[in-house]
Protein backbone atom coordinates (compact mmCIF):
# COMPACT_ATOMS: atom_id res chain seq x y z
CA MET A 1 23.20 -13.77 -19.94
CA ARG A 2 26.00 -15.38 -17.61
CA ILE A 3 27.90 -11.85 -17.26
CA LEU A 4 24.85 -10.59 -16.29
CA LEU A 5 23.96 -12.84 -13.66
CA ASN A 6 26.04 -13.56 -10.07
CA GLU A 7 27.34 -17.17 -10.69
CA ALA A 8 28.12 -17.50 -7.04
CA VAL A 9 24.25 -17.97 -6.11
CA PRO A 10 22.60 -20.99 -6.52
CA THR A 11 19.65 -20.59 -9.07
CA ALA A 12 16.45 -20.86 -7.64
CA ARG A 13 18.06 -18.21 -5.20
CA ARG A 14 19.24 -16.23 -8.05
CA ALA A 15 16.30 -16.58 -9.59
CA PHE A 16 14.06 -15.36 -6.96
CA TRP A 17 16.51 -12.09 -6.83
CA LEU A 18 15.99 -11.01 -10.61
CA PHE A 19 12.02 -11.50 -9.98
CA LEU A 20 11.64 -9.36 -6.98
CA GLY A 21 14.56 -6.81 -8.64
CA THR A 22 12.43 -6.87 -11.92
CA SER A 23 9.36 -6.33 -10.35
CA ALA A 24 10.41 -4.04 -8.06
CA LEU A 25 12.14 -1.75 -11.11
CA GLY A 26 8.78 -1.87 -12.79
CA LEU A 27 6.74 -0.57 -9.69
CA GLY A 28 9.12 2.02 -9.62
CA ALA A 29 8.71 2.73 -13.35
CA LEU A 30 4.88 2.84 -12.72
CA GLY A 31 5.52 4.89 -9.55
CA ALA A 32 7.17 7.72 -11.93
CA VAL A 33 3.82 8.21 -13.50
CA LEU A 34 1.21 7.14 -10.99
CA PRO A 35 1.01 9.79 -7.89
CA ILE A 36 0.24 7.19 -5.63
CA LEU A 37 2.84 5.10 -6.12
CA PRO A 38 6.13 5.75 -4.65
CA THR A 39 9.61 5.74 -6.87
CA THR A 40 12.30 5.36 -4.93
CA PRO A 41 11.90 2.67 -1.99
CA PHE A 42 11.26 0.21 -5.14
CA VAL A 43 14.06 1.46 -6.66
CA ILE A 44 16.44 0.73 -3.67
CA LEU A 45 14.71 -2.45 -3.59
CA ALA A 46 15.56 -3.27 -7.18
CA ALA A 47 19.40 -2.44 -6.41
CA PHE A 48 19.34 -4.56 -3.32
CA SER A 49 17.69 -7.16 -5.45
CA PHE A 50 20.53 -6.79 -8.75
CA GLY A 51 22.94 -6.98 -6.02
CA LYS A 52 22.13 -10.47 -5.51
CA SER A 53 21.64 -11.62 -8.76
CA ALA A 54 22.51 -9.85 -11.59
CA PRO A 55 25.46 -6.97 -10.45
CA ARG A 56 25.86 -5.42 -13.92
CA ILE A 57 21.94 -4.51 -13.41
CA GLN A 58 22.60 -3.05 -10.30
CA ALA A 59 25.78 -0.80 -11.21
CA THR A 60 23.39 0.47 -14.14
CA LEU A 61 21.20 1.41 -12.09
CA GLU A 62 23.37 3.02 -9.05
CA SER A 63 25.19 4.97 -12.15
CA ASN A 64 21.54 6.15 -13.76
CA PRO A 65 22.19 10.18 -12.83
CA VAL A 66 18.55 10.36 -11.50
CA PHE A 67 18.55 6.93 -9.29
CA GLY A 68 22.25 6.53 -8.30
CA PRO A 69 22.58 9.43 -5.79
CA VAL A 70 19.20 8.34 -4.48
CA ILE A 71 20.28 4.41 -3.88
CA THR A 72 24.02 5.78 -2.78
CA ASP A 73 22.54 8.23 -0.14
CA TRP A 74 20.58 5.21 1.06
CA ARG A 75 23.46 2.40 1.48
CA GLU A 76 26.04 5.10 2.95
CA SER A 77 23.78 6.66 5.72
CA GLY A 78 19.99 5.89 5.50
CA ALA A 79 19.22 9.01 4.22
CA ILE A 80 16.50 10.54 2.16
CA ALA A 81 16.96 13.76 0.90
CA PRO A 82 14.54 16.34 1.78
CA ARG A 83 12.64 17.30 -1.07
CA PHE A 84 11.77 13.52 -1.62
CA LYS A 85 10.58 13.55 1.95
CA LEU A 86 8.46 16.61 1.32
CA LEU A 87 7.08 15.01 -1.83
CA SER A 88 6.58 11.79 0.11
CA ILE A 89 4.42 13.40 2.80
CA ALA A 90 2.36 15.67 0.01
CA MET A 91 1.67 12.61 -1.70
CA MET A 92 0.18 10.67 1.32
CA ALA A 93 -1.39 13.61 2.00
CA GLY A 94 -3.02 13.99 -1.48
CA VAL A 95 -4.06 10.37 -1.16
CA PHE A 96 -5.71 10.75 2.42
CA ALA A 97 -7.83 13.65 0.68
CA LEU A 98 -8.38 11.59 -2.29
CA SER A 99 -10.50 8.89 0.30
CA LEU A 100 -11.82 11.53 2.33
CA ALA A 101 -13.67 13.05 -1.38
CA LEU A 102 -14.64 9.55 -2.34
CA SER A 103 -16.06 9.20 1.16
CA VAL A 104 -14.60 6.15 2.03
CA SER A 105 -15.50 4.29 4.95
CA VAL A 106 -14.13 5.70 8.35
CA PRO A 107 -12.73 2.13 9.29
CA VAL A 108 -10.51 2.26 6.11
CA LEU A 109 -9.77 6.07 6.66
CA CYS A 110 -8.42 5.18 10.18
CA VAL A 111 -6.28 2.06 8.87
CA GLN A 112 -4.93 4.43 6.04
CA ALA A 113 -4.12 7.00 8.54
CA LEU A 114 -2.37 4.93 10.91
CA CYS A 115 -0.03 3.57 7.96
CA MET A 116 0.51 6.86 6.50
CA ALA A 117 1.19 7.88 9.68
CA GLY A 118 3.74 5.46 10.43
CA ALA A 119 5.16 5.98 6.97
CA ALA A 120 5.38 9.59 7.38
CA ILE A 121 7.30 8.82 10.84
CA PHE A 122 9.63 7.04 9.18
CA ILE A 123 10.47 9.28 6.47
CA LEU A 124 10.44 11.86 9.01
CA GLY A 125 13.18 9.97 11.06
CA ARG A 126 15.74 9.56 8.20
CA PRO A 127 19.08 11.67 8.28
CA SER A 128 19.03 13.70 5.17
CA PRO A 129 22.29 13.38 2.91
CA ALA A 130 25.64 15.24 4.01
CA ALA A 131 25.50 18.32 1.21
């Protein structure tokens, strides 16, 4: 386990970052199968957290053929690929439509719409990675 951990970081702080990275990666894995939970932000958070606690796990995540390019694009330029932008917006619209179909109360719909609009503005405002 020593090889995996960043020994330069104090133990309590390292444990926090390791816990956060593991939790984020778990949520990202759930997001891969649940349409209402995003995967990419959790994987980016996991890579960041593992960088603070377990650099070898971070390197493994960054060399993953699926997640590696996403992490690299975000680190280098804060970029989100157009397909992920479209997928994010479509998922938000789908969740909002489901809320409407389930007759969720108007105040909840308003809060949901404001939060999703803010997230959509952020996502669409990010640059796309250079080809």
